Amino acid sequence: MSNPATPAKVVRLRPARRRAPGADKKSEIFTALRRAIVEQALQPGTKLPEDTIGANFGVSRTIVRDALRQLADAGLVEIQKNRGASVARPSWDEARDIFDVRLALEKLVVERLAGRLTAEQIRRLKEHAAREEVASGGREPQSVRLATEFHVLLAEMTGSETLARYVGEVAWRCGLTLTLYSRPHSSECGVHEHLEIIAALEAADPARAVEVMETHLRGVISRALIGPPGNTADLSEILRRYTEE
């Protein structure tokens, strides 16, 4: 007599998580403003009125307010009661603290990644470095933004959400401080140093990777210099440019 068929295992599927209304637009605003800040289109102290931003992105002030709060949590925007939001203006001491925290985090990142990156990940890093090299002869703010994205990409490759989140936050905040305190062409050595980091990771040499990362970030700090920000352009014109990208 044959055994009865084994009952099929019941798999209960969770319903797909729905994104909150306006979530995509909030993310779009957050990303566009962050890029505009790091590329110096929106300089420290620039006012960020909700109605102007909302009109440019075609959204309500509520969605804009949420995006600005997210930028404030990331340290890129300051929100003051009865005065609204503006691009953050970190002090020199704050900038040094941020760089010190970043250094500790990124040494941990490369220590974890050395010898563990896939061929595809190495390819992506080299492609990004190639984009940095192309941009190095152009606008300095774009070079700062691409250099920041390189470090964020490294952190994401660890697979640790915690490291990716914290490195991303301090890296973008460092990008903001460079708009205030960097010498002209202060990122000109960045591409070569990034290639050295990639080589150390590919060679499975954690000690070398940590050494190169520390030298690189300390070099970024040493090339920084307190300087006055430039003139601020029309907010709507800036937002239009970043909305269209």
Protein backbone atom coordinates (compact mmCIF):
# COMPACT_ATOMS: atom_id res chain seq x y z
CA MET A 1 0.00 0.00 0.00
CA SER A 2 1.52 3.29 -1.03
CA ASN A 3 2.08 6.07 1.44
CA PRO A 4 -0.31 9.00 1.23
CA ALA A 5 1.08 12.04 -0.51
CA THR A 6 2.92 14.43 1.75
CA PRO A 7 0.79 17.51 2.31
CA ALA A 8 2.15 20.56 0.53
CA LYS A 9 3.76 23.10 2.82
CA VAL A 10 1.69 26.22 3.11
CA VAL A 11 3.75 29.33 2.42
CA ARG A 12 2.17 32.54 3.62
CA LEU A 13 3.25 35.44 1.47
CA ARG A 14 3.54 38.84 3.03
CA PRO A 15 1.84 41.55 1.06
CA ALA A 16 4.25 43.83 -0.79
CA ARG A 17 5.10 46.86 1.28
CA ARG A 18 3.51 49.90 -0.27
CA ARG A 19 5.48 53.09 -0.45
CA ALA A 20 3.87 56.02 1.25
CA PRO A 21 2.28 58.57 -1.08
CA GLY A 22 4.91 61.10 -2.12
CA ALA A 23 7.82 58.88 -1.04
CA ASP A 24 9.36 58.84 -4.52
CA LYS A 25 9.05 62.61 -4.81
CA LYS A 26 10.56 63.10 -1.36
CA SER A 27 13.51 60.93 -2.37
CA GLU A 28 13.87 62.90 -5.62
CA ILE A 29 13.92 66.21 -3.74
CA PHE A 30 16.37 64.87 -1.14
CA THR A 31 18.78 63.60 -3.80
CA ALA A 32 18.57 66.72 -5.95
CA LEU A 33 19.13 69.10 -3.03
CA ARG A 34 21.97 67.00 -1.63
CA ARG A 35 23.73 67.06 -4.98
CA ALA A 36 23.14 70.80 -5.40
CA ILE A 37 24.59 71.41 -1.92
CA VAL A 38 27.71 69.31 -2.43
CA GLU A 39 28.29 70.77 -5.91
CA GLN A 40 28.13 74.27 -4.38
CA ALA A 41 25.11 75.33 -6.45
CA LEU A 42 23.39 75.83 -3.08
CA GLN A 43 25.94 77.25 -0.71
CA PRO A 44 25.97 77.26 3.09
CA GLY A 45 23.41 79.67 4.49
CA THR A 46 21.16 79.61 1.41
CA LYS A 47 17.47 79.78 2.36
CA LEU A 48 15.33 76.82 1.24
CA PRO A 49 11.70 78.02 1.21
CA GLU A 50 9.17 75.19 1.03
CA ASP A 51 6.88 76.93 -1.46
CA THR A 52 9.68 77.60 -3.97
CA ILE A 53 10.94 74.02 -3.79
CA GLY A 54 7.41 72.62 -3.98
CA ALA A 55 6.64 74.69 -7.10
CA ASN A 56 9.78 73.44 -8.84
CA PHE A 57 9.06 69.79 -8.09
CA GLY A 58 5.28 70.02 -8.40
CA VAL A 59 4.57 68.75 -4.88
CA SER A 60 2.96 69.96 -1.68
CA ARG A 61 4.83 71.77 1.07
CA THR A 62 4.28 68.71 3.29
CA ILE A 63 6.41 66.53 1.02
CA VAL A 64 9.06 69.24 0.78
CA ARG A 65 9.07 69.59 4.57
CA ASP A 66 9.68 65.85 4.96
CA ALA A 67 12.60 65.98 2.51
CA LEU A 68 14.11 68.96 4.34
CA ARG A 69 13.82 67.13 7.67
CA GLN A 70 15.65 64.19 6.12
CA LEU A 71 18.40 66.52 4.92
CA ALA A 72 18.54 68.05 8.40
CA ASP A 73 18.97 64.57 9.91
CA ALA A 74 21.87 64.07 7.49
CA GLY A 75 23.48 67.30 8.71
CA LEU A 76 23.16 69.12 5.37
CA VAL A 77 20.31 71.47 6.27
CA GLU A 78 19.48 73.53 9.36
CA ILE A 79 15.85 74.13 10.33
CA GLN A 80 15.07 76.96 12.74
CA LYS A 81 11.70 77.75 14.22
CA ASN A 82 9.98 80.66 12.49
CA ARG A 83 12.96 81.04 10.15
CA GLY A 84 12.60 77.93 7.99
CA ALA A 85 15.31 75.81 6.42
CA SER A 86 18.70 76.77 5.04
CA VAL A 87 21.83 74.97 3.88
CA ALA A 88 23.92 74.08 6.94
CA ARG A 89 27.05 76.06 7.75
CA PRO A 90 29.25 73.80 9.91
CA SER A 91 32.03 75.39 11.94
CA TRP A 92 35.68 74.50 11.35
CA ASP A 93 35.76 72.51 14.61
CA GLU A 94 32.66 70.57 13.54
CA ALA A 95 34.30 69.89 10.20
CA ARG A 96 37.38 68.42 11.88
CA ASP A 97 35.24 66.20 14.12
CA ILE A 98 33.30 64.93 11.10
CA PHE A 99 36.53 64.07 9.26
CA ASP A 100 37.89 62.23 12.32
CA VAL A 101 34.73 60.13 12.58
CA ARG A 102 34.83 59.47 8.86
CA LEU A 103 38.44 58.33 9.02
CA ALA A 104 37.69 55.75 11.71
CA LEU A 105 34.67 54.40 9.81
CA GLU A 106 36.36 54.19 6.43
CA LYS A 107 39.42 52.41 7.78
CA LEU A 108 36.98 49.76 9.02
CA VAL A 109 35.33 49.63 5.60
CA VAL A 110 38.52 48.88 3.65
CA GLU A 111 39.72 46.46 6.29
CA ARG A 112 36.54 44.44 5.74
CA LEU A 113 36.64 44.68 1.95
CA ALA A 114 40.28 43.71 1.31
CA GLY A 115 40.35 40.45 -0.63
CA ARG A 116 36.56 40.05 -0.51
CA LEU A 117 35.43 42.11 -3.47
CA THR A 118 34.06 40.33 -6.52
CA ALA A 119 35.37 40.98 -10.03
CA GLU A 120 32.14 42.88 -10.75
CA GLN A 121 32.63 45.12 -7.70
CA ILE A 122 36.24 45.86 -8.70
CA ARG A 123 35.00 46.73 -12.19
CA ARG A 124 32.40 49.15 -10.77
CA LEU A 125 35.00 50.88 -8.60
CA LYS A 126 37.40 51.28 -11.53
CA GLU A 127 34.62 52.62 -13.74
CA HIS A 128 33.74 55.18 -11.08
CA ALA A 129 37.39 56.21 -10.78
CA ALA A 130 37.46 56.64 -14.55
CA ARG A 131 34.48 59.03 -14.33
CA GLU A 132 36.34 60.95 -11.62
CA GLU A 133 39.37 61.24 -13.88
CA VAL A 134 37.26 62.65 -16.72
CA ALA A 135 35.73 65.20 -14.36
CA SER A 136 39.03 66.17 -12.72
CA GLY A 137 39.84 68.74 -15.37
CA GLY A 138 36.46 70.42 -15.07
CA ARG A 139 34.38 71.86 -12.25
CA GLU A 140 35.82 71.31 -8.77
CA PRO A 141 32.38 70.83 -7.12
CA GLN A 142 31.58 67.95 -9.47
CA SER A 143 34.89 66.30 -8.55
CA VAL A 144 34.01 66.62 -4.86
CA ARG A 145 30.62 65.01 -5.47
CA LEU A 146 32.07 62.10 -7.48
CA ALA A 147 34.80 61.55 -4.88
CA THR A 148 32.15 61.40 -2.17
CA GLU A 149 30.13 58.88 -4.17
CA PHE A 150 33.24 56.66 -4.45
CA HIS A 151 33.50 56.38 -0.67
CA VAL A 152 29.77 55.79 -0.29
CA LEU A 153 30.00 53.01 -2.89
CA LEU A 154 32.82 51.35 -0.93
CA ALA A 155 30.74 51.36 2.25
CA GLU A 156 27.73 49.89 0.45
CA MET A 157 29.90 47.03 -0.83
CA THR A 158 30.51 45.83 2.74
CA GLY A 159 26.89 44.66 2.83
CA SER A 160 26.48 46.34 6.22
CA GLU A 161 23.50 48.67 6.34
CA THR A 162 24.94 50.28 9.48
CA LEU A 163 28.30 51.09 7.89
CA ALA A 164 26.68 52.24 4.66
CA ARG A 165 24.33 54.58 6.53
CA TYR A 166 26.94 56.15 8.79
CA VAL A 167 29.66 56.45 6.16
CA GLY A 168 27.14 57.95 3.75
CA GLU A 169 26.09 60.55 6.30
CA VAL A 170 29.58 61.67 7.30
CA ALA A 171 30.88 61.54 3.72
CA TRP A 172 28.16 63.87 2.43
CA ARG A 173 28.68 66.18 5.40
CA CYS A 174 32.39 66.26 4.58
CA GLY A 175 31.41 67.18 1.03
CA LEU A 176 29.49 70.13 2.45
CA THR A 177 32.46 71.28 4.56
CA LEU A 178 34.69 71.20 1.50
CA THR A 179 32.40 73.73 -0.17
CA LEU A 180 33.26 76.05 2.73
CA TYR A 181 36.86 75.28 3.57
CA SER A 182 38.65 73.70 0.59
CA ARG A 183 41.36 75.27 -1.51
CA PRO A 184 40.74 75.41 -5.26
CA HIS A 185 41.57 72.08 -6.90
CA SER A 186 41.90 70.39 -3.51
CA SER A 187 40.56 67.12 -4.97
CA GLU A 188 43.15 66.92 -7.76
CA CYS A 189 45.01 64.08 -6.00
CA GLY A 190 41.82 62.16 -5.24
CA VAL A 191 41.62 59.96 -8.34
CA HIS A 192 45.17 58.64 -7.99
CA GLU A 193 44.58 57.88 -4.32
CA HIS A 194 41.29 56.14 -5.09
CA LEU A 195 43.09 53.90 -7.60
CA GLU A 196 45.65 53.03 -4.91
CA ILE A 197 42.80 52.04 -2.57
CA ILE A 198 41.29 49.81 -5.26
CA ALA A 199 44.67 48.17 -5.92
CA ALA A 200 45.16 47.39 -2.22
CA LEU A 201 41.67 45.90 -1.96
CA GLU A 202 42.20 43.81 -5.09
CA ALA A 203 45.55 42.58 -3.72
CA ALA A 204 43.84 41.40 -0.51
CA ASP A 205 46.14 43.60 1.58
CA PRO A 206 44.06 45.05 4.45
CA ALA A 207 47.03 46.76 6.12
CA ARG A 208 47.93 48.54 2.90
CA ALA A 209 44.29 49.44 2.24
CA VAL A 210 43.96 51.01 5.70
CA GLU A 211 47.26 52.88 5.25
CA VAL A 212 46.24 54.29 1.86
CA MET A 213 42.77 55.27 3.10
CA GLU A 214 44.23 57.08 6.12
CA THR A 215 46.79 58.90 3.98
CA HIS A 216 44.07 59.82 1.49
CA LEU A 217 41.61 61.25 4.02
CA ARG A 218 44.29 63.05 6.02
CA GLY A 219 45.43 64.56 2.72
CA VAL A 220 41.89 65.79 2.06
CA ILE A 221 41.89 67.45 5.48
CA SER A 222 45.33 69.01 5.00
CA ARG A 223 44.32 70.43 1.63
CA ALA A 224 41.35 72.19 3.23
CA LEU A 225 41.47 75.89 3.97
CA ILE A 226 38.99 78.31 5.49
CA GLY A 227 37.63 80.56 2.78
CA PRO A 228 34.54 82.69 2.17
CA PRO A 229 31.68 81.20 0.13
CA GLY A 230 30.90 82.67 -3.27
CA ASN A 231 27.75 84.36 -4.46
CA THR A 232 24.39 82.57 -4.30
CA ALA A 233 22.41 82.21 -7.53
CA ASP A 234 18.62 82.23 -7.89
CA LEU A 235 17.10 79.23 -6.06
CA SER A 236 14.45 78.48 -8.70
CA GLU A 237 17.06 78.45 -11.48
CA ILE A 238 19.27 76.07 -9.48
CA LEU A 239 16.37 73.73 -8.69
CA ARG A 240 15.27 73.72 -12.32
CA ARG A 241 18.71 72.51 -13.35
CA TYR A 242 18.79 69.72 -10.78
CA THR A 243 15.17 68.71 -11.41
CA GLU A 244 15.86 68.19 -15.10
CA GLU A 245 18.90 65.90 -14.50
